[in-house]
C-alpha atoms as a PDB file:
ATOM      1  CA  MET A   1       4.554 -10.998  26.850  1.00  0.00           C
ATOM      2  CA  ARG A   2       1.573  -8.676  26.547  1.00  0.00           C
ATOM      3  CA  TYR A   3      -0.994  -8.614  29.272  1.00  0.00           C
ATOM      4  CA  THR A   4      -4.567  -7.528  29.005  1.00  0.00           C
ATOM      5  CA  MET A   5      -6.411  -6.137  31.992  1.00  0.00           C
ATOM      6  CA  PHE A   6     -10.278  -6.439  32.201  1.00  0.00           C
ATOM      7  CA  VAL A   7     -12.045  -3.826  34.295  1.00  0.00           C
ATOM      8  CA  LEU A   8     -15.189  -5.340  35.692  1.00  0.00           C
ATOM      9  CA  GLY A   9     -17.203  -3.113  37.835  1.00  0.00           C
ATOM     10  CA  GLY A  10     -14.213  -2.014  40.051  1.00  0.00           C
ATOM     11  CA  THR A  11     -12.363  -5.390  40.102  1.00  0.00           C
ATOM     12  CA  PHE A  12      -9.388  -6.167  37.824  1.00  0.00           C
ATOM     13  CA  LYS A  13      -8.553  -9.540  36.193  1.00  0.00           C
ATOM     14  CA  VAL A  14      -5.263  -9.894  34.408  1.00  0.00           C
ATOM     15  CA  SER A  15      -4.651 -12.580  31.754  1.00  0.00           C
ATOM     16  CA  PRO A  16      -2.059 -12.973  29.005  1.00  0.00           C
ATOM     17  CA  SER A  17      -3.333 -11.851  25.543  1.00  0.00           C
ATOM     18  CA  LEU A  18      -1.710 -14.831  23.952  1.00  0.00           C
ATOM     19  CA  HIS A  19      -4.264 -17.093  25.579  1.00  0.00           C
ATOM     20  CA  SER A  20      -7.263 -15.791  23.636  1.00  0.00           C
ATOM     21  CA  ALA A  21      -9.446 -18.761  24.505  1.00  0.00           C
ATOM     22  CA  ARG A  22      -8.964 -18.285  28.210  1.00  0.00           C
ATOM     23  CA  THR A  23      -9.852 -14.504  27.727  1.00  0.00           C
ATOM     24  CA  LEU A  24     -13.072 -15.475  25.901  1.00  0.00           C
ATOM     25  CA  ARG A  25     -14.033 -17.938  28.689  1.00  0.00           C
ATOM     26  CA  VAL A  26     -13.546 -15.159  31.285  1.00  0.00           C
ATOM     27  CA  ARG A  27     -15.905 -12.882  29.291  1.00  0.00           C
ATOM     28  CA  GLN A  28     -18.448 -15.598  28.739  1.00  0.00           C
ATOM     29  CA  ARG A  29     -18.750 -16.343  32.450  1.00  0.00           C
ATOM     30  CA  LEU A  30     -19.748 -12.820  33.189  1.00  0.00           C
ATOM     31  CA  PRO A  31     -23.416 -11.975  33.615  1.00  0.00           C
ATOM     32  CA  ALA A  32     -24.936 -10.007  30.714  1.00  0.00           C
ATOM     33  CA  ARG A  33     -25.168  -6.809  32.696  1.00  0.00           C
ATOM     34  CA  MET A  34     -21.406  -6.974  33.455  1.00  0.00           C
ATOM     35  CA  GLN A  35     -20.444  -7.798  29.864  1.00  0.00           C
ATOM     36  CA  SER A  36     -21.784  -4.517  28.691  1.00  0.00           C
ATOM     37  CA  ARG A  37     -19.595  -2.638  31.180  1.00  0.00           C
ATOM     38  CA  ALA A  38     -16.481  -4.709  30.708  1.00  0.00           C
ATOM     39  CA  PHE A  39     -13.760  -3.227  28.534  1.00  0.00           C
ATOM     40  CA  CYS A  40     -10.142  -4.000  27.991  1.00  0.00           C
ATOM     41  CA  LEU A  41      -7.115  -1.855  28.803  1.00  0.00           C
ATOM     42  CA  ALA A  42      -3.687  -2.757  27.519  1.00  0.00           C
ATOM     43  CA  ALA A  43      -1.193  -2.947  30.389  1.00  0.00           C
ATOM     44  CA  ASP A  44       1.649  -1.856  28.120  1.00  0.00           C
ATOM     45  CA  MET A  45       0.563   1.812  28.029  1.00  0.00           C
ATOM     46  CA  GLU A  46       0.482   4.124  25.021  1.00  0.00           C
ATOM     47  CA  ASN A  47       3.158   6.706  24.660  1.00  0.00           C
ATOM     48  CA  TRP A  48       1.760  10.217  24.276  1.00  0.00           C
ATOM     49  CA  LYS A  49       3.568  13.165  22.767  1.00  0.00           C
ATOM     50  CA  ASP A  50       2.657  16.806  22.205  1.00  0.00           C
ATOM     51  CA  ILE A  51       1.687  17.723  18.709  1.00  0.00           C
ATOM     52  CA  PRO A  52       4.115  20.348  17.390  1.00  0.00           C
ATOM     53  CA  GLY A  53       2.332  23.722  17.312  1.00  0.00           C
ATOM     54  CA  TYR A  54      -0.248  22.475  19.660  1.00  0.00           C
ATOM     55  CA  GLU A  55       1.913  21.885  22.734  1.00  0.00           C
ATOM     56  CA  GLY A  56      -0.194  21.810  25.969  1.00  0.00           C
ATOM     57  CA  ARG A  57      -3.458  21.425  24.096  1.00  0.00           C
ATOM     58  CA  TYR A  58      -3.356  18.262  21.957  1.00  0.00           C
ATOM     59  CA  GLN A  59      -1.311  15.016  22.101  1.00  0.00           C
ATOM     60  CA  VAL A  60      -0.960  12.025  19.776  1.00  0.00           C
ATOM     61  CA  SER A  61      -0.156   8.462  20.860  1.00  0.00           C
ATOM     62  CA  ASP A  62       2.027   5.890  19.148  1.00  0.00           C
ATOM     63  CA  GLN A  63      -1.138   3.753  18.571  1.00  0.00           C
ATOM     64  CA  GLY A  64      -2.647   6.477  16.389  1.00  0.00           C
ATOM     65  CA  ARG A  65      -5.011   8.103  18.868  1.00  0.00           C
ATOM     66  CA  VAL A  66      -5.359  11.908  19.433  1.00  0.00           C
ATOM     67  CA  ARG A  67      -6.521  13.519  22.664  1.00  0.00           C
ATOM     68  CA  SER A  68      -7.156  17.053  24.024  1.00  0.00           C
ATOM     69  CA  LEU A  69      -5.732  18.013  27.340  1.00  0.00           C
ATOM     70  CA  ASP A  70      -7.475  19.666  30.339  1.00  0.00           C
ATOM     71  CA  ALA A  71      -7.658  23.331  29.908  1.00  0.00           C
ATOM     72  CA  LEU A  72      -8.797  26.493  31.731  1.00  0.00           C
ATOM     73  CA  ILE A  73     -10.702  28.828  29.482  1.00  0.00           C
ATOM     74  CA  LEU A  74     -11.082  32.492  30.157  1.00  0.00           C
ATOM     75  CA  CYS A  75     -14.702  33.484  29.751  1.00  0.00           C
ATOM     76  CA  SER A  76     -16.566  36.771  30.261  1.00  0.00           C
ATOM     77  CA  GLY A  77     -20.160  37.491  30.916  1.00  0.00           C
ATOM     78  CA  PRO A  78     -22.298  40.456  31.784  1.00  0.00           C
ATOM     79  CA  VAL A  79     -23.283  39.159  35.220  1.00  0.00           C
ATOM     80  CA  LYS A  80     -20.089  37.404  36.504  1.00  0.00           C
ATOM     81  CA  GLY A  81     -17.529  39.446  34.563  1.00  0.00           C
ATOM     82  CA  ALA A  82     -14.335  37.595  33.685  1.00  0.00           C
ATOM     83  CA  TYR A  83     -13.977  34.035  35.059  1.00  0.00           C
ATOM     84  CA  TYR A  84     -12.226  30.703  34.209  1.00  0.00           C
ATOM     85  CA  SER A  85     -14.102  27.661  33.064  1.00  0.00           C
ATOM     86  CA  SER A  86     -12.449  24.248  33.127  1.00  0.00           C
ATOM     87  CA  LYS A  87     -12.630  21.949  29.999  1.00  0.00           C
ATOM     88  CA  LYS A  88     -11.821  18.263  30.554  1.00  0.00           C
ATOM     89  CA  GLY A  89      -9.609  16.606  27.978  1.00  0.00           C
ATOM     90  CA  ARG A  90     -10.730  13.552  26.014  1.00  0.00           C
ATOM     91  CA  VAL A  91      -9.801  11.270  23.237  1.00  0.00           C
ATOM     92  CA  LEU A  92     -10.854  12.844  19.939  1.00  0.00           C
ATOM     93  CA  ARG A  93     -13.161  10.819  17.632  1.00  0.00           C
ATOM     94  CA  PRO A  94     -11.697  10.798  14.088  1.00  0.00           C
ATOM     95  CA  GLY A  95     -13.611  11.302  10.958  1.00  0.00           C
ATOM     96  CA  ARG A  96     -13.020   9.201   7.838  1.00  0.00           C
ATOM     97  CA  MET A  97     -11.921  10.868   4.561  1.00  0.00           C
ATOM     98  CA  PRO A  98     -13.028   9.516   1.190  1.00  0.00           C
ATOM     99  CA  LEU A  99      -9.959   7.374   0.620  1.00  0.00           C
ATOM    100  CA  GLY A 100     -10.158   5.904   4.163  1.00  0.00           C
ATOM    101  CA  HIS A 101      -7.681   7.954   6.010  1.00  0.00           C
ATOM    102  CA  LEU A 102      -8.656   9.343   9.487  1.00  0.00           C
ATOM    103  CA  SER A 103      -8.658  13.037  10.404  1.00  0.00           C
ATOM    104  CA  VAL A 104      -9.378  15.061  13.560  1.00  0.00           C
ATOM    105  CA  ALA A 105     -10.279  18.670  14.082  1.00  0.00           C
ATOM    106  CA  LEU A 106      -7.651  20.505  16.149  1.00  0.00           C
ATOM    107  CA  GLY A 107      -9.631  23.696  17.019  1.00  0.00           C
ATOM    108  CA  LYS A 108     -12.255  25.168  14.662  1.00  0.00           C
ATOM    109  CA  GLY A 109     -11.812  24.614  11.018  1.00  0.00           C
ATOM    110  CA  ASN A 110      -8.347  22.934  11.297  1.00  0.00           C
ATOM    111  CA  SER A 111      -8.689  19.287  10.115  1.00  0.00           C
ATOM    112  CA  GLN A 112      -5.542  17.254  10.229  1.00  0.00           C
ATOM    113  CA  CYS A 113      -4.736  13.758   9.033  1.00  0.00           C
ATOM    114  CA  VAL A 114      -3.932  11.426  12.028  1.00  0.00           C
ATOM    115  CA  HIS A 115      -1.133   9.617  10.192  1.00  0.00           C
ATOM    116  CA  LYS A 116       0.678  12.882   9.606  1.00  0.00           C
ATOM    117  CA  LEU A 117       0.286  13.929  13.171  1.00  0.00           C
ATOM    118  CA  VAL A 118       1.759  10.640  14.539  1.00  0.00           C
ATOM    119  CA  LEU A 119       4.762  10.784  12.270  1.00  0.00           C
ATOM    120  CA  ILE A 120       5.468  14.505  12.889  1.00  0.00           C
ATOM    121  CA  SER A 121       5.205  14.112  16.659  1.00  0.00           C
ATOM    122  CA  PHE A 122       7.343  11.005  17.018  1.00  0.00           C
ATOM    123  CA  THR A 123       9.993  11.351  14.159  1.00  0.00           C
ATOM    124  CA  GLY A 124      10.029  14.986  13.288  1.00  0.00           C
ATOM    125  CA  ALA A 125       9.017  17.050  10.270  1.00  0.00           C
ATOM    126  CA  ALA A 126       8.981  15.362   6.884  1.00  0.00           C
ATOM    127  CA  PRO A 127      12.115  15.764   4.752  1.00  0.00           C
ATOM    128  CA  GLU A 128      11.667  17.855   1.575  1.00  0.00           C
ATOM    129  CA  GLY A 129       9.655  15.951  -1.009  1.00  0.00           C
ATOM    130  CA  TYR A 130       8.646  13.139   1.241  1.00  0.00           C
ATOM    131  CA  GLU A 131       5.039  12.074   2.407  1.00  0.00           C
ATOM    132  CA  CYS A 132       3.596   9.712   4.947  1.00  0.00           C
ATOM    133  CA  LEU A 133       3.302   5.988   3.913  1.00  0.00           C
ATOM    134  CA  HIS A 134       1.451   3.114   5.447  1.00  0.00           C
ATOM    135  CA  ARG A 135       3.591   0.011   5.466  1.00  0.00           C
ATOM    136  CA  ASN A 136       0.600  -2.410   5.342  1.00  0.00           C
ATOM    137  CA  GLY A 137      -1.473  -0.300   2.933  1.00  0.00           C
ATOM    138  CA  VAL A 138      -4.407   0.101   5.347  1.00  0.00           C
ATOM    139  CA  PRO A 139      -5.230   3.789   5.526  1.00  0.00           C
ATOM    140  CA  ASP A 140      -6.783   3.831   8.995  1.00  0.00           C
ATOM    141  CA  ASP A 141      -3.932   1.911  10.641  1.00  0.00           C
ATOM    142  CA  ASN A 142      -2.155   4.821  12.197  1.00  0.00           C
ATOM    143  CA  ARG A 143       0.250   2.973  14.514  1.00  0.00           C
ATOM    144  CA  LEU A 144       3.723   4.432  14.621  1.00  0.00           C
ATOM    145  CA  ASP A 145       5.340   1.071  13.638  1.00  0.00           C
ATOM    146  CA  ASN A 146       3.110   1.111  10.539  1.00  0.00           C
ATOM    147  CA  LEU A 147       4.139   4.560   9.280  1.00  0.00           C
ATOM    148  CA  HIS A 148       7.203   5.925   7.639  1.00  0.00           C
ATOM    149  CA  TRP A 149       8.354   8.865   5.374  1.00  0.00           C
ATOM    150  CA  GLY A 150       8.784   8.012   1.665  1.00  0.00           C
ATOM    151  CA  THR A 151       8.578   9.697  -1.725  1.00  0.00           C
ATOM    152  CA  ARG A 152       5.545  10.028  -3.926  1.00  0.00           C
ATOM    153  CA  SER A 153       6.925   7.385  -6.215  1.00  0.00           C
ATOM    154  CA  GLU A 154       7.220   4.927  -3.371  1.00  0.00           C
ATOM    155  CA  ASN A 155       3.677   5.649  -2.281  1.00  0.00           C
ATOM    156  CA  MET A 156       2.285   4.913  -5.591  1.00  0.00           C
ATOM    157  CA  LYS A 157       4.286   1.670  -5.917  1.00  0.00           C
ATOM    158  CA  ASP A 158       2.974   0.711  -2.467  1.00  0.00           C
ATOM    159  CA  ALA A 159      -0.618   1.490  -3.578  1.00  0.00           C
ATOM    160  CA  TYR A 160      -0.318  -0.807  -6.575  1.00  0.00           C
ATOM    161  CA  ALA A 161       1.416  -3.516  -4.404  1.00  0.00           C
ATOM    162  CA  HIS A 162      -1.346  -3.391  -1.784  1.00  0.00           C
ATOM    163  CA  GLY A 163      -4.164  -3.251  -4.402  1.00  0.00           C
ATOM    164  CA  ALA A 164      -5.356   0.234  -3.494  1.00  0.00           C
ATOM    165  CA  ARG A 165      -5.023   1.262  -7.171  1.00  0.00           C
ATOM    166  CA  ASP A 166      -6.321  -1.443  -9.447  1.00  0.00           C
ATOM    167  CA  ARG A 167      -4.819  -1.504 -12.872  1.00  0.00           C
ATOM    168  CA  VAL A 168      -7.532  -3.947 -14.178  1.00  0.00           C
ATOM    169  CA  LYS A 169     -10.308  -1.477 -13.184  1.00  0.00           C
ATOM    170  CA  ASN A 170      -8.514   1.342 -15.032  1.00  0.00           C
ATOM    171  CA  ARG A 171      -8.061  -0.838 -18.178  1.00  0.00           C
ATOM    172  CA  ALA A 172     -11.725  -1.835 -18.047  1.00  0.00           C
ATOM    173  CA  ALA A 173     -12.748   1.845 -17.758  1.00  0.00           C
ATOM    174  CA  LEU A 174     -10.704   2.710 -20.769  1.00  0.00           C
ATOM    175  CA  ALA A 175     -12.083  -0.159 -22.781  1.00  0.00           C
ATOM    176  CA  LYS A 176     -15.652   1.068 -22.022  1.00  0.00           C
ATOM    177  CA  GLY A 177     -14.700   4.580 -23.168  1.00  0.00           C
ATOM    178  CA  ARG A 178     -14.718   6.080 -19.612  1.00  0.00           C
ATOM    179  CA  ALA A 179     -11.953   8.525 -18.713  1.00  0.00           C
ATOM    180  CA  THR A 180      -9.613   7.697 -15.853  1.00  0.00           C
ATOM    181  CA  ARG A 181      -8.131  10.514 -13.778  1.00  0.00           C
ATOM    182  CA  TRP A 182      -5.412  11.419 -16.246  1.00  0.00           C
ATOM    183  CA  GLY A 183      -6.928   9.752 -19.324  1.00  0.00           C
ATOM    184  CA  HIS A 184      -4.210   7.093 -19.633  1.00  0.00           C
ATOM    185  CA  LEU A 185      -2.619   4.390 -17.578  1.00  0.00           C
END
C-alpha cells in the first residue's frame, strides 16, 4: 500500500493514497493560507542514480526527474584571489521538445533527453541499433517502468498503435496534394 504524506506548516499527516476522497477532505478542511503551502511527498522514496559521464554532478530518478548535486566551485577574483563558492543542488526543470519529449541541460550547451538518461542510468547503455521506447506512448512519461530499449521498427509500430502517427492525416495530405515527410505512405 502506498502512503502519501502531507506537509502542512511543519506538521505531518499520513493517509493512504487509495482513499482519495479522504485525502481530498483533509485538503478541503485546511484554511486557504495553508492550502497554498501544502504539498504532497510520496513516502515510497524515489531511487536516484548517477548519470554515466556526470558522476558526482547530476543524478536521475526512476520517476524521470533529474537533479544537480551540491558542489564547490573554484573561483578567482582580483581582490580575494582564489576561493571556493558553494552551489546548492536542485531538481532541474525540463524543457519540452517539439514532439513532446522532455530534455534538460547538463552544463552549458549540452541538452539531453530525460528518457534516455533514465534508461542509461538504470539499465546501462543501449544495445547496438536500439533506441528508447515509451510503453504507453506518452513522450513526457519518463518513469523507469514505462521505458525500454527497442528497435526503430518497434518504435514506429508503437507510434502507429498509440496514434502518434496518424495514417488518415497522411492520406488526407496526399489527397490534397501536400507532401508528407517522404512523399509516400
